[in-house]
Amino acid sequence: MERQRLRRKVDKNGKDANGNGVADKREGKDLAHKKPLSKGGSNKNGYTVKSKSKNRSFKRNSDGSIKTRQYLAGR
């Protein structure tokens, strides 16, 4: 649900020059949460616009959640 809410919010508030209902900055891109939803993140934690290949390239656990990154382990 959080993913859908974020997409709708960006599409509603963003500029849409070609009138297809998708914000121009989101066309062909993914909205990546700064703290992954699978790690307890939400829309309040912020987001970035990334290419699909960059957003979907994280190593995953068998349940589909993102593996813990080593540089975040000490935080």
C-alpha atoms as a PDB file:
ATOM      1  CA  MET A   1       0.000   0.000   0.000  1.00  0.00           C
ATOM      2  CA  GLU A   2       2.849   2.414   0.818  1.00  0.00           C
ATOM      3  CA  ARG A   3       4.295   1.995  -2.686  1.00  0.00           C
ATOM      4  CA  GLN A   4       0.957   2.838  -4.286  1.00  0.00           C
ATOM      5  CA  ARG A   5       0.408   5.854  -2.034  1.00  0.00           C
ATOM      6  CA  LEU A   6       3.819   7.256  -2.924  1.00  0.00           C
ATOM      7  CA  ARG A   7       3.297   6.782  -6.675  1.00  0.00           C
ATOM      8  CA  ARG A   8      -0.125   8.462  -6.519  1.00  0.00           C
ATOM      9  CA  LYS A   9       1.290  11.372  -4.485  1.00  0.00           C
ATOM     10  CA  VAL A  10       4.157  11.969  -6.934  1.00  0.00           C
ATOM     11  CA  ASP A  11       1.838  11.706  -9.951  1.00  0.00           C
ATOM     12  CA  LYS A  12      -0.664  14.112  -8.383  1.00  0.00           C
ATOM     13  CA  ASN A  13       1.900  16.765  -7.389  1.00  0.00           C
ATOM     14  CA  GLY A  14       4.380  16.367 -10.262  1.00  0.00           C
ATOM     15  CA  LYS A  15       4.354  18.073 -13.666  1.00  0.00           C
ATOM     16  CA  ASP A  16       2.824  15.976 -16.489  1.00  0.00           C
ATOM     17  CA  ALA A  17       3.670  17.662 -19.799  1.00  0.00           C
ATOM     18  CA  ASN A  18       2.435  14.863 -22.079  1.00  0.00           C
ATOM     19  CA  GLY A  19      -0.851  14.319 -20.185  1.00  0.00           C
ATOM     20  CA  ASN A  20      -0.584  10.558 -19.681  1.00  0.00           C
ATOM     21  CA  GLY A  21      -1.236  10.712 -15.912  1.00  0.00           C
ATOM     22  CA  VAL A  22       2.344   9.917 -14.870  1.00  0.00           C
ATOM     23  CA  ALA A  23       4.630  12.632 -13.511  1.00  0.00           C
ATOM     24  CA  ASP A  24       7.438  13.394 -15.963  1.00  0.00           C
ATOM     25  CA  LYS A  25      10.219  12.726 -13.458  1.00  0.00           C
ATOM     26  CA  ARG A  26       8.748   9.238 -12.790  1.00  0.00           C
ATOM     27  CA  GLU A  27       8.339   8.109 -16.406  1.00  0.00           C
ATOM     28  CA  GLY A  28      10.158   4.787 -16.842  1.00  0.00           C
ATOM     29  CA  LYS A  29      11.611   5.008 -13.335  1.00  0.00           C
ATOM     30  CA  ASP A  30      10.986   3.564  -9.884  1.00  0.00           C
ATOM     31  CA  LEU A  31      10.414   5.432  -6.649  1.00  0.00           C
ATOM     32  CA  ALA A  32      12.882   3.951  -4.176  1.00  0.00           C
ATOM     33  CA  HIS A  33      12.289   4.391  -0.468  1.00  0.00           C
ATOM     34  CA  LYS A  34      15.415   5.592   1.348  1.00  0.00           C
ATOM     35  CA  LYS A  35      14.709   3.036   4.074  1.00  0.00           C
ATOM     36  CA  PRO A  36      13.307  -0.080   2.340  1.00  0.00           C
ATOM     37  CA  LEU A  37       9.727  -0.984   3.230  1.00  0.00           C
ATOM     38  CA  SER A  38      10.913  -4.522   3.989  1.00  0.00           C
ATOM     39  CA  LYS A  39      13.227  -3.041   6.650  1.00  0.00           C
ATOM     40  CA  GLY A  40      10.465  -1.041   8.345  1.00  0.00           C
ATOM     41  CA  GLY A  41      10.581   2.091   6.194  1.00  0.00           C
ATOM     42  CA  SER A  42       7.624   4.217   5.149  1.00  0.00           C
ATOM     43  CA  ASN A  43       6.855   7.182   2.923  1.00  0.00           C
ATOM     44  CA  LYS A  44       7.812   9.462   5.831  1.00  0.00           C
ATOM     45  CA  ASN A  45      11.429   8.248   5.560  1.00  0.00           C
ATOM     46  CA  GLY A  46      11.728   9.829   2.113  1.00  0.00           C
ATOM     47  CA  TYR A  47      12.236   8.536  -1.393  1.00  0.00           C
ATOM     48  CA  THR A  48      14.436   8.921  -4.460  1.00  0.00           C
ATOM     49  CA  VAL A  49      13.754   8.429  -8.149  1.00  0.00           C
ATOM     50  CA  LYS A  50      15.932   5.636  -9.581  1.00  0.00           C
ATOM     51  CA  SER A  51      16.097   3.632 -12.761  1.00  0.00           C
ATOM     52  CA  LYS A  52      14.355   0.260 -12.552  1.00  0.00           C
ATOM     53  CA  SER A  53      17.637  -1.630 -12.919  1.00  0.00           C
ATOM     54  CA  LYS A  54      19.275   0.257 -10.033  1.00  0.00           C
ATOM     55  CA  ASN A  55      16.280  -0.029  -7.697  1.00  0.00           C
ATOM     56  CA  ARG A  56      15.788  -3.749  -8.289  1.00  0.00           C
ATOM     57  CA  SER A  57      19.439  -4.791  -8.166  1.00  0.00           C
ATOM     58  CA  PHE A  58      19.797  -5.391  -4.421  1.00  0.00           C
ATOM     59  CA  LYS A  59      20.667  -8.870  -3.166  1.00  0.00           C
ATOM     60  CA  ARG A  60      17.635 -10.553  -1.609  1.00  0.00           C
ATOM     61  CA  ASN A  61      16.916 -13.135   1.073  1.00  0.00           C
ATOM     62  CA  SER A  62      14.852 -16.223   0.257  1.00  0.00           C
ATOM     63  CA  ASP A  63      11.711 -14.410   1.488  1.00  0.00           C
ATOM     64  CA  GLY A  64      12.333 -11.516  -0.938  1.00  0.00           C
ATOM     65  CA  SER A  65      13.508  -8.981   1.634  1.00  0.00           C
ATOM     66  CA  ILE A  66      16.687  -7.017   0.997  1.00  0.00           C
ATOM     67  CA  LYS A  67      19.813  -8.428   2.608  1.00  0.00           C
ATOM     68  CA  THR A  68      21.432  -6.240   5.256  1.00  0.00           C
ATOM     69  CA  ARG A  69      24.222  -4.155   3.797  1.00  0.00           C
ATOM     70  CA  GLN A  70      27.548  -4.349   5.622  1.00  0.00           C
ATOM     71  CA  TYR A  71      28.012  -0.579   5.857  1.00  0.00           C
ATOM     72  CA  LEU A  72      24.654  -0.215   7.632  1.00  0.00           C
ATOM     73  CA  ALA A  73      25.319  -3.017  10.122  1.00  0.00           C
ATOM     74  CA  GLY A  74      27.020  -0.742  12.654  1.00  0.00           C
ATOM     75  CA  ARG A  75      24.152   1.778  12.839  1.00  0.00           C
END
